[in-house]
C-alpha atoms as a PDB file:
ATOM      1  CA  UNK A   1     -19.499 231.045 194.597  1.00  0.00           C
ATOM      2  CA  UNK A   2     -20.901 231.791 191.139  1.00  0.00           C
ATOM      3  CA  UNK A   3     -24.607 231.193 190.436  1.00  0.00           C
ATOM      4  CA  UNK A   4     -25.678 230.504 186.839  1.00  0.00           C
ATOM      5  CA  UNK A   5     -28.929 228.918 185.659  1.00  0.00           C
ATOM      6  CA  UNK A   6     -29.370 225.579 187.411  1.00  0.00           C
ATOM      7  CA  UNK A   7     -25.870 225.222 188.866  1.00  0.00           C
ATOM      8  CA  UNK A   8     -23.394 226.920 191.155  1.00  0.00           C
ATOM      9  CA  UNK A   9     -19.624 227.086 191.178  1.00  0.00           C
ATOM     10  CA  UNK A  10     -18.153 226.529 194.627  1.00  0.00           C
ATOM     11  CA  UNK A  11     -14.560 227.617 195.234  1.00  0.00           C
ATOM     12  CA  UNK A  12     -12.506 227.783 198.397  1.00  0.00           C
ATOM     13  CA  UNK A  13     -11.306 231.387 197.999  1.00  0.00           C
ATOM     14  CA  UNK A  14     -13.432 234.537 197.802  1.00  0.00           C
ATOM     15  CA  UNK A  15     -13.513 236.405 194.495  1.00  0.00           C
ATOM     16  CA  UNK A  16     -15.988 239.270 194.675  1.00  0.00           C
ATOM     17  CA  UNK A  17     -17.889 240.095 191.479  1.00  0.00           C
ATOM     18  CA  UNK A  18     -15.822 237.664 189.379  1.00  0.00           C
ATOM     19  CA  UNK A  19     -16.974 234.789 187.188  1.00  0.00           C
ATOM     20  CA  UNK A  20     -15.124 231.543 186.522  1.00  0.00           C
ATOM     21  CA  UNK A  21     -14.070 232.976 183.160  1.00  0.00           C
ATOM     22  CA  UNK A  22     -12.479 235.933 184.961  1.00  0.00           C
ATOM     23  CA  UNK A  23     -10.358 233.799 187.301  1.00  0.00           C
ATOM     24  CA  UNK A  24      -9.825 230.438 185.571  1.00  0.00           C
ATOM     25  CA  UNK A  25      -6.318 231.262 184.348  1.00  0.00           C
ATOM     26  CA  UNK A  26      -5.057 232.286 187.802  1.00  0.00           C
ATOM     27  CA  UNK A  27      -7.155 230.213 190.230  1.00  0.00           C
ATOM     28  CA  UNK A  28      -5.374 227.205 191.764  1.00  0.00           C
ATOM     29  CA  UNK A  29      -7.727 225.988 194.543  1.00  0.00           C
ATOM     30  CA  UNK A  30     -10.517 223.437 194.677  1.00  0.00           C
ATOM     31  CA  UNK A  31     -13.521 224.159 192.443  1.00  0.00           C
ATOM     32  CA  UNK A  32     -16.749 222.281 191.693  1.00  0.00           C
ATOM     33  CA  UNK A  33     -19.873 222.987 189.662  1.00  0.00           C
ATOM     34  CA  UNK A  34     -22.963 221.687 191.480  1.00  0.00           C
ATOM     35  CA  UNK A  35     -26.248 221.107 189.657  1.00  0.00           C
ATOM     36  CA  UNK A  36     -29.013 222.294 191.988  1.00  0.00           C
ATOM     37  CA  UNK A  37     -31.965 224.616 192.457  1.00  0.00           C
ATOM     38  CA  UNK A  38     -30.281 228.028 192.671  1.00  0.00           C
ATOM     39  CA  UNK A  39     -33.353 230.011 193.751  1.00  0.00           C
ATOM     40  CA  UNK A  40     -32.075 230.864 197.272  1.00  0.00           C
ATOM     41  CA  UNK A  41     -28.368 231.037 196.479  1.00  0.00           C
ATOM     42  CA  UNK A  42     -26.348 234.189 195.908  1.00  0.00           C
ATOM     43  CA  UNK A  43     -22.697 234.757 194.972  1.00  0.00           C
ATOM     44  CA  UNK A  44     -20.454 235.179 198.005  1.00  0.00           C
ATOM     45  CA  UNK A  45     -22.476 232.958 200.356  1.00  0.00           C
ATOM     46  CA  UNK A  46     -20.692 230.279 202.339  1.00  0.00           C
ATOM     47  CA  UNK A  47     -22.316 226.875 202.032  1.00  0.00           C
ATOM     48  CA  UNK A  48     -21.981 223.244 203.059  1.00  0.00           C
ATOM     49  CA  UNK A  49     -23.068 220.623 200.539  1.00  0.00           C
ATOM     50  CA  UNK A  50     -23.531 216.893 200.027  1.00  0.00           C
ATOM     51  CA  UNK A  51     -23.129 215.178 196.662  1.00  0.00           C
ATOM     52  CA  UNK A  52     -25.624 212.790 195.024  1.00  0.00           C
ATOM     53  CA  UNK A  53     -23.809 210.055 193.127  1.00  0.00           C
ATOM     54  CA  UNK A  54     -20.298 210.553 191.803  1.00  0.00           C
ATOM     55  CA  UNK A  55     -18.128 213.490 190.851  1.00  0.00           C
ATOM     56  CA  UNK A  56     -17.045 214.044 187.245  1.00  0.00           C
ATOM     57  CA  UNK A  57     -13.273 214.291 187.073  1.00  0.00           C
ATOM     58  CA  UNK A  58     -12.672 217.625 185.383  1.00  0.00           C
ATOM     59  CA  UNK A  59     -11.546 221.067 186.453  1.00  0.00           C
ATOM     60  CA  UNK A  60     -13.715 222.390 187.880  1.00  0.00           C
ATOM     61  CA  UNK A  61     -15.228 219.107 189.013  1.00  0.00           C
ATOM     62  CA  UNK A  62     -18.938 218.563 188.330  1.00  0.00           C
ATOM     63  CA  UNK A  63     -21.601 216.855 190.429  1.00  0.00           C
ATOM     64  CA  UNK A  64     -25.243 216.934 191.458  1.00  0.00           C
ATOM     65  CA  UNK A  65     -25.958 218.433 194.860  1.00  0.00           C
ATOM     66  CA  UNK A  66     -28.016 216.260 197.207  1.00  0.00           C
ATOM     67  CA  UNK A  67     -28.238 218.941 199.903  1.00  0.00           C
ATOM     68  CA  UNK A  68     -27.011 222.527 200.293  1.00  0.00           C
ATOM     69  CA  UNK A  69     -27.033 224.411 203.596  1.00  0.00           C
ATOM     70  CA  UNK A  70     -26.198 228.115 203.693  1.00  0.00           C
ATOM     71  CA  UNK A  71     -23.749 228.905 206.521  1.00  0.00           C
ATOM     72  CA  UNK A  72     -24.550 231.854 208.745  1.00  0.00           C
END
């Protein structure tokens, strides 16, 4: 997960200390930017999320997070 400003990038594979720019040419898994309050989120955390509204069809996908729960 990458945290930037008011959104996070959620991917299904761990990349430690890498940004989307660093991996975008080699990454092949699912990826989504979620607009949300990032105050309590840190790169590397595992999360569960729910989407508000639809998902923009792009790569990475883009959506607004309705709820984010940090996994323990």
